[in-house]
Amino acid sequence: MKYFVTSFSIFISLFSDAPRITSPPQELSLSEGESAVLLCRVAANPPAALQWVRQSTGQPVGQGQEELTLSPLARSMADTYVCQASNKLGLSEPLAHTLTVQCKSHSCSPQCCGSGSE
């Protein structure tokens, strides 16, 4: 009678991480009518849910995407936009992006530039 002995081992390593934002903060200065793309890259396991909030209003402006596109820009959109990620292991530190929106250089209407001094 022949005997065969087979042995093996399986090593499964599962690393779990609370969300960590890996992209740097941005400071953008753009003109009316242009587009702004804000980035919020996240490292997390399990995957994280992402939320964008406009700081002055506290209102959500995007969810689930690592990129927030604002287009076309108007002066009223100038603000700080904050992204934050969460999963079952925790919440990331917030990442703030500052957006400044300037008048178009060729038109300085009272609505855009106020007194026309810009």
Protein backbone atom coordinates (compact mmCIF):
# COMPACT_ATOMS: atom_id res chain seq x y z
CA MET A 1 0.00 0.00 0.00
CA LYS A 2 1.29 3.46 -0.90
CA TYR A 3 0.69 6.54 1.17
CA PHE A 4 0.90 10.06 -0.11
CA VAL A 5 1.27 12.85 2.33
CA THR A 6 0.51 16.28 1.08
CA SER A 7 0.83 19.31 3.20
CA PHE A 8 0.45 22.90 2.36
CA SER A 9 -0.27 26.06 4.14
CA ILE A 10 -2.04 29.16 3.01
CA PHE A 11 -1.13 32.50 4.39
CA ILE A 12 -3.60 35.26 3.73
CA SER A 13 -2.73 38.69 4.85
CA LEU A 14 -5.45 41.27 4.95
CA PHE A 15 -4.37 44.73 5.82
CA SER A 16 -7.09 47.05 6.93
CA ASP A 17 -6.55 50.76 6.98
CA ALA A 18 -8.62 53.72 7.99
CA PRO A 19 -8.82 56.22 5.12
CA ARG A 20 -5.80 58.42 4.51
CA ILE A 21 -5.81 61.24 1.97
CA THR A 22 -2.68 61.12 -0.15
CA SER A 23 -3.07 64.20 -2.35
CA PRO A 24 -1.79 67.63 -1.28
CA PRO A 25 -4.03 70.66 -0.74
CA GLN A 26 -4.56 72.90 -3.74
CA GLU A 27 -4.76 76.68 -4.01
CA LEU A 28 -6.30 77.59 -7.34
CA SER A 29 -6.78 81.05 -8.79
CA LEU A 30 -8.85 80.92 -11.96
CA SER A 31 -11.01 83.22 -14.05
CA GLU A 32 -14.76 83.24 -14.50
CA GLY A 33 -15.90 80.74 -17.11
CA GLU A 34 -12.96 78.39 -16.58
CA SER A 35 -13.16 74.95 -14.96
CA ALA A 36 -11.64 73.88 -11.66
CA VAL A 37 -10.73 70.26 -10.92
CA LEU A 38 -10.03 69.55 -7.26
CA LEU A 39 -8.34 66.25 -6.34
CA CYS A 40 -8.73 64.08 -3.27
CA ARG A 41 -6.82 60.79 -3.62
CA VAL A 42 -7.52 58.29 -0.85
CA ALA A 43 -5.75 55.17 0.40
CA ALA A 44 -8.04 52.87 2.39
CA ASN A 45 -8.94 49.23 2.90
CA PRO A 46 -11.85 48.61 2.82
CA PRO A 47 -12.56 51.27 0.20
CA ALA A 48 -13.68 54.61 1.54
CA ALA A 49 -16.71 56.75 0.83
CA LEU A 50 -15.72 60.27 -0.13
CA GLN A 51 -17.61 63.50 0.46
CA TRP A 52 -16.95 67.06 -0.71
CA VAL A 53 -18.32 70.01 1.28
CA ARG A 54 -18.30 73.74 0.56
CA GLN A 55 -16.86 75.22 3.74
CA SER A 56 -18.80 78.50 3.89
CA THR A 57 -22.19 76.80 3.65
CA GLY A 58 -21.44 73.35 5.06
CA GLN A 59 -23.42 71.92 2.14
CA PRO A 60 -22.28 68.77 0.31
CA VAL A 61 -21.19 69.52 -3.26
CA GLY A 62 -19.99 66.07 -4.33
CA GLN A 63 -19.89 62.49 -3.19
CA GLY A 64 -18.02 59.34 -4.11
CA GLN A 65 -15.56 60.84 -6.59
CA GLU A 66 -11.89 61.65 -6.06
CA GLU A 67 -12.26 64.60 -8.43
CA LEU A 68 -14.62 67.51 -7.97
CA THR A 69 -15.16 69.52 -11.14
CA LEU A 70 -16.64 72.99 -10.88
CA SER A 71 -17.61 74.47 -14.23
CA PRO A 72 -18.18 77.08 -15.49
CA LEU A 73 -16.74 79.12 -12.64
CA ALA A 74 -18.44 82.24 -11.31
CA ARG A 75 -17.12 84.64 -8.68
CA SER A 76 -19.74 83.36 -6.25
CA MET A 77 -18.04 79.95 -6.32
CA ALA A 78 -14.86 81.26 -4.68
CA ASP A 79 -14.53 79.36 -1.38
CA THR A 80 -12.72 76.57 0.40
CA TYR A 81 -13.81 73.07 -0.61
CA VAL A 82 -13.11 70.22 1.80
CA CYS A 83 -12.98 66.50 1.09
CA GLN A 84 -13.08 63.78 3.70
CA ALA A 85 -13.14 60.01 3.43
CA SER A 86 -14.64 57.39 5.72
CA ASN A 87 -14.91 53.64 6.01
CA LYS A 88 -15.83 51.27 8.82
CA LEU A 89 -12.38 51.80 10.37
CA GLY A 90 -12.57 55.55 10.67
CA LEU A 91 -12.54 59.01 9.18
CA SER A 92 -9.67 60.71 7.36
CA GLU A 93 -8.29 64.09 8.22
CA PRO A 94 -10.07 66.69 6.09
CA LEU A 95 -8.28 68.11 3.06
CA ALA A 96 -9.06 71.75 2.20
CA HIS A 97 -8.68 73.28 -1.26
CA THR A 98 -8.90 77.05 -1.71
CA LEU A 99 -10.49 78.39 -4.88
CA THR A 100 -10.25 82.02 -5.92
CA VAL A 101 -12.28 83.14 -8.93
CA GLN A 102 -11.25 86.34 -10.68
CA CYS A 103 -13.03 88.47 -13.24
CA LYS A 104 -12.35 87.73 -16.86
CA SER A 105 -9.56 90.08 -17.86
CA HIS A 106 -11.45 91.49 -20.84
CA SER A 107 -14.70 92.33 -19.03
CA CYS A 108 -15.00 94.08 -15.74
CA SER A 109 -18.69 94.55 -15.13
CA PRO A 110 -20.02 96.06 -11.89
CA GLN A 111 -21.46 92.63 -11.01
CA CYS A 112 -18.00 91.08 -11.25
CA CYS A 113 -15.64 93.78 -10.10
CA GLY A 114 -17.84 95.84 -7.84
CA SER A 115 -16.64 99.40 -8.25
CA GLY A 116 -14.54 98.56 -11.31
CA SER A 117 -11.28 98.85 -9.38
CA GLU A 118 -10.13 95.31 -10.21
